[in-house]
Amino acid sequence: YYVFFRAYRNSSTSTEVALYVNGSVKNRFRPLPQGGDYIFAGSVLIELNKGDYIDVRAHNGDFGNFYGNNNAQFSNWGGHLID
């Protein structure tokens, strides 16, 4: 699968976003710059098995002010099966 995300945030204790597979960290992403309002963005090719699940969330911290809860224009993620 090709998996991608874009997360717009400010005021958080995390400097990284991680892609988790079945609850375990698979890939970590660190944005630049490290402070203020900015966008975490990343993509990865990943092998998944039937029944696996993926989530994208802050790594080693929280998003204290994470934009996108009600508006997909700020933050989103998705994926495509590469056959």
N, C-alpha and C. Protein backbone atom coordinates (compact mmCIF):
# COMPACT_ATOMS: atom_id res chain seq x y z
N TYR A 1 0.82 -1.18 0.00
CA TYR A 1 0.00 0.00 0.00
C TYR A 1 0.87 1.24 0.00
N TYR A 2 0.37 2.27 -0.64
CA TYR A 2 0.98 3.60 -0.55
C TYR A 2 0.10 4.38 0.43
N VAL A 3 0.67 4.80 1.56
CA VAL A 3 -0.08 5.49 2.61
C VAL A 3 0.50 6.90 2.74
N PHE A 4 -0.38 7.89 2.90
CA PHE A 4 0.06 9.28 3.00
C PHE A 4 -0.75 10.00 4.07
N PHE A 5 -0.20 11.11 4.58
CA PHE A 5 -0.93 11.94 5.52
C PHE A 5 -0.46 13.38 5.43
N ARG A 6 -1.30 14.26 5.90
CA ARG A 6 -1.00 15.68 6.02
C ARG A 6 -1.72 16.16 7.27
N ALA A 7 -1.00 16.68 8.25
CA ALA A 7 -1.60 17.09 9.52
C ALA A 7 -1.12 18.49 9.89
N TYR A 8 -2.06 19.42 9.96
CA TYR A 8 -1.73 20.80 10.32
C TYR A 8 -1.96 20.99 11.81
N ARG A 9 -0.96 21.51 12.52
CA ARG A 9 -1.07 21.64 13.97
C ARG A 9 -0.28 22.81 14.52
N ASN A 10 -0.58 23.16 15.77
CA ASN A 10 0.28 24.04 16.56
C ASN A 10 0.13 23.66 18.01
N SER A 11 0.99 24.19 18.86
CA SER A 11 0.93 23.97 20.31
C SER A 11 0.84 22.50 20.70
N SER A 12 1.85 21.74 20.41
CA SER A 12 1.84 20.33 20.81
C SER A 12 3.11 20.00 21.58
N THR A 13 3.10 18.86 22.26
CA THR A 13 4.30 18.39 22.96
C THR A 13 5.07 17.39 22.11
N SER A 14 4.55 17.05 20.95
CA SER A 14 5.21 16.08 20.08
C SER A 14 5.91 16.79 18.93
N THR A 15 7.10 16.33 18.60
CA THR A 15 7.80 16.87 17.44
C THR A 15 7.76 15.88 16.28
N GLU A 16 7.06 14.77 16.46
CA GLU A 16 6.98 13.76 15.41
C GLU A 16 5.56 13.24 15.24
N VAL A 17 5.30 12.76 14.04
CA VAL A 17 4.08 12.01 13.75
C VAL A 17 4.53 10.61 13.38
N ALA A 18 3.77 9.61 13.79
CA ALA A 18 4.13 8.23 13.46
C ALA A 18 2.96 7.53 12.78
N LEU A 19 3.31 6.63 11.88
CA LEU A 19 2.36 5.74 11.25
C LEU A 19 2.42 4.43 12.03
N TYR A 20 1.30 4.02 12.58
CA TYR A 20 1.22 2.81 13.39
C TYR A 20 0.50 1.72 12.61
N VAL A 21 1.00 0.50 12.70
CA VAL A 21 0.34 -0.67 12.13
C VAL A 21 0.05 -1.61 13.28
N ASN A 22 -1.22 -1.92 13.48
CA ASN A 22 -1.66 -2.80 14.57
C ASN A 22 -1.17 -2.29 15.94
N GLY A 23 -1.12 -0.96 16.11
CA GLY A 23 -0.74 -0.37 17.38
C GLY A 23 0.75 -0.19 17.61
N SER A 24 1.59 -0.63 16.67
CA SER A 24 3.04 -0.49 16.81
C SER A 24 3.58 0.50 15.78
N VAL A 25 4.57 1.28 16.18
CA VAL A 25 5.17 2.27 15.28
C VAL A 25 5.81 1.56 14.09
N LYS A 26 5.45 2.01 12.90
CA LYS A 26 6.05 1.46 11.68
C LYS A 26 7.02 2.47 11.06
N ASN A 27 6.60 3.75 10.97
CA ASN A 27 7.42 4.81 10.42
C ASN A 27 7.19 6.09 11.22
N ARG A 28 8.27 6.87 11.41
CA ARG A 28 8.18 8.14 12.12
C ARG A 28 8.59 9.27 11.18
N PHE A 29 7.95 10.43 11.37
CA PHE A 29 8.22 11.59 10.53
C PHE A 29 8.44 12.81 11.41
N ARG A 30 9.46 13.61 11.10
CA ARG A 30 9.78 14.81 11.86
C ARG A 30 9.73 16.00 10.90
N PRO A 31 8.88 16.98 11.18
CA PRO A 31 8.75 18.13 10.27
C PRO A 31 9.79 19.20 10.55
N LEU A 32 9.95 20.08 9.59
CA LEU A 32 10.74 21.30 9.76
C LEU A 32 9.85 22.45 9.36
N PRO A 33 9.76 23.52 10.09
CA PRO A 33 10.48 23.81 11.33
C PRO A 33 9.90 23.04 12.51
N GLN A 34 10.54 23.16 13.66
CA GLN A 34 10.13 22.43 14.85
C GLN A 34 9.14 23.18 15.74
N GLY A 35 8.82 24.43 15.44
CA GLY A 35 7.92 25.18 16.30
C GLY A 35 6.91 25.99 15.50
N GLY A 36 5.89 26.48 16.21
CA GLY A 36 4.86 27.29 15.58
C GLY A 36 3.88 26.46 14.79
N ASP A 37 3.07 27.14 13.97
CA ASP A 37 2.13 26.45 13.10
C ASP A 37 2.90 25.82 11.95
N TYR A 38 2.68 24.56 11.71
CA TYR A 38 3.31 23.92 10.57
C TYR A 38 2.56 22.65 10.19
N ILE A 39 2.96 22.06 9.11
CA ILE A 39 2.28 20.89 8.56
C ILE A 39 3.22 19.69 8.64
N PHE A 40 2.75 18.63 9.29
CA PHE A 40 3.41 17.33 9.21
C PHE A 40 2.93 16.70 7.90
N ALA A 41 3.82 16.17 7.10
CA ALA A 41 3.42 15.46 5.89
C ALA A 41 4.36 14.29 5.68
N GLY A 42 3.83 13.22 5.19
CA GLY A 42 4.67 12.06 4.92
C GLY A 42 3.94 11.03 4.10
N SER A 43 4.71 10.12 3.53
CA SER A 43 4.14 9.01 2.77
C SER A 43 5.12 7.84 2.85
N VAL A 44 4.58 6.65 2.66
CA VAL A 44 5.40 5.46 2.76
C VAL A 44 4.75 4.32 1.98
N LEU A 45 5.56 3.44 1.45
CA LEU A 45 5.07 2.18 0.89
C LEU A 45 5.15 1.15 2.00
N ILE A 46 4.08 0.42 2.22
CA ILE A 46 4.02 -0.48 3.35
C ILE A 46 3.28 -1.76 2.98
N GLU A 47 3.78 -2.88 3.46
CA GLU A 47 3.12 -4.17 3.22
C GLU A 47 2.15 -4.44 4.37
N LEU A 48 0.91 -4.72 4.04
CA LEU A 48 -0.12 -5.02 5.03
C LEU A 48 -0.73 -6.38 4.74
N ASN A 49 -1.17 -7.03 5.79
CA ASN A 49 -1.86 -8.31 5.67
C ASN A 49 -3.33 -8.13 5.99
N LYS A 50 -4.13 -9.09 5.58
CA LYS A 50 -5.55 -9.06 5.87
C LYS A 50 -5.75 -8.90 7.39
N GLY A 51 -6.61 -7.95 7.78
CA GLY A 51 -6.88 -7.72 9.19
C GLY A 51 -6.00 -6.68 9.85
N ASP A 52 -4.92 -6.24 9.17
CA ASP A 52 -4.07 -5.18 9.73
C ASP A 52 -4.83 -3.86 9.74
N TYR A 53 -4.49 -2.99 10.70
CA TYR A 53 -5.08 -1.66 10.72
C TYR A 53 -3.98 -0.62 10.89
N ILE A 54 -4.25 0.58 10.39
CA ILE A 54 -3.28 1.67 10.38
C ILE A 54 -3.90 2.87 11.09
N ASP A 55 -3.08 3.59 11.84
CA ASP A 55 -3.49 4.91 12.31
C ASP A 55 -2.29 5.84 12.31
N VAL A 56 -2.56 7.12 12.23
CA VAL A 56 -1.54 8.16 12.22
C VAL A 56 -1.79 9.04 13.43
N ARG A 57 -0.76 9.23 14.27
CA ARG A 57 -0.93 10.05 15.47
C ARG A 57 0.41 10.61 15.94
N ALA A 58 0.34 11.50 16.92
CA ALA A 58 1.56 12.08 17.49
C ALA A 58 2.40 10.96 18.10
N HIS A 59 3.73 11.11 17.99
CA HIS A 59 4.65 10.14 18.58
C HIS A 59 5.34 10.78 19.77
N ASN A 60 5.31 10.10 20.92
CA ASN A 60 5.94 10.59 22.16
C ASN A 60 5.44 11.97 22.55
N GLY A 61 4.15 12.18 22.49
CA GLY A 61 3.57 13.47 22.89
C GLY A 61 2.14 13.56 22.41
N ASP A 62 1.62 14.75 22.47
CA ASP A 62 0.24 15.00 22.07
C ASP A 62 0.18 16.18 21.13
N PHE A 63 -0.88 16.22 20.34
CA PHE A 63 -1.21 17.42 19.59
C PHE A 63 -2.15 18.21 20.48
N GLY A 64 -1.62 19.23 21.15
CA GLY A 64 -2.44 20.03 22.04
C GLY A 64 -3.46 20.86 21.29
N ASN A 65 -3.16 21.23 20.07
CA ASN A 65 -4.05 22.04 19.25
C ASN A 65 -3.95 21.52 17.83
N PHE A 66 -4.71 20.50 17.54
CA PHE A 66 -4.64 19.79 16.26
C PHE A 66 -5.81 20.22 15.39
N TYR A 67 -5.53 20.79 14.25
CA TYR A 67 -6.57 21.24 13.34
C TYR A 67 -7.05 20.10 12.46
N GLY A 68 -8.32 20.08 12.15
CA GLY A 68 -8.83 19.12 11.20
C GLY A 68 -9.91 18.22 11.74
N ASN A 69 -10.27 18.34 13.02
CA ASN A 69 -11.31 17.48 13.57
C ASN A 69 -12.61 17.60 12.81
N ASN A 70 -12.92 18.80 12.32
CA ASN A 70 -14.17 19.03 11.62
C ASN A 70 -13.99 19.50 10.19
N ASN A 71 -12.78 19.56 9.69
CA ASN A 71 -12.56 20.13 8.39
C ASN A 71 -11.38 19.44 7.70
N ALA A 72 -11.67 18.63 6.70
CA ALA A 72 -10.64 17.84 6.03
C ALA A 72 -9.66 18.67 5.23
N GLN A 73 -9.95 19.96 5.00
CA GLN A 73 -9.01 20.76 4.22
C GLN A 73 -7.69 20.98 4.97
N PHE A 74 -7.70 20.86 6.29
CA PHE A 74 -6.49 21.08 7.07
C PHE A 74 -5.69 19.80 7.28
N SER A 75 -6.35 18.70 7.55
CA SER A 75 -5.64 17.46 7.88
C SER A 75 -6.37 16.26 7.29
N ASN A 76 -5.59 15.33 6.74
CA ASN A 76 -6.19 14.13 6.17
C ASN A 76 -5.13 13.05 6.01
N TRP A 77 -5.59 11.85 5.79
CA TRP A 77 -4.70 10.76 5.46
C TRP A 77 -5.47 9.73 4.66
N GLY A 78 -4.74 8.88 3.96
CA GLY A 78 -5.39 7.87 3.14
C GLY A 78 -4.35 6.92 2.57
N GLY A 79 -4.78 6.12 1.63
CA GLY A 79 -3.86 5.17 1.02
C GLY A 79 -4.43 4.54 -0.23
N HIS A 80 -3.55 3.89 -0.96
CA HIS A 80 -3.93 3.21 -2.21
C HIS A 80 -3.26 1.86 -2.26
N LEU A 81 -3.98 0.88 -2.73
CA LEU A 81 -3.41 -0.45 -2.96
C LEU A 81 -2.56 -0.40 -4.22
N ILE A 82 -1.32 -0.79 -4.11
CA ILE A 82 -0.41 -0.88 -5.24
C ILE A 82 -0.33 -2.35 -5.60
N ASP A 83 -0.82 -2.69 -6.76
CA ASP A 83 -0.89 -4.10 -7.16
C ASP A 83 0.23 -4.48 -8.07
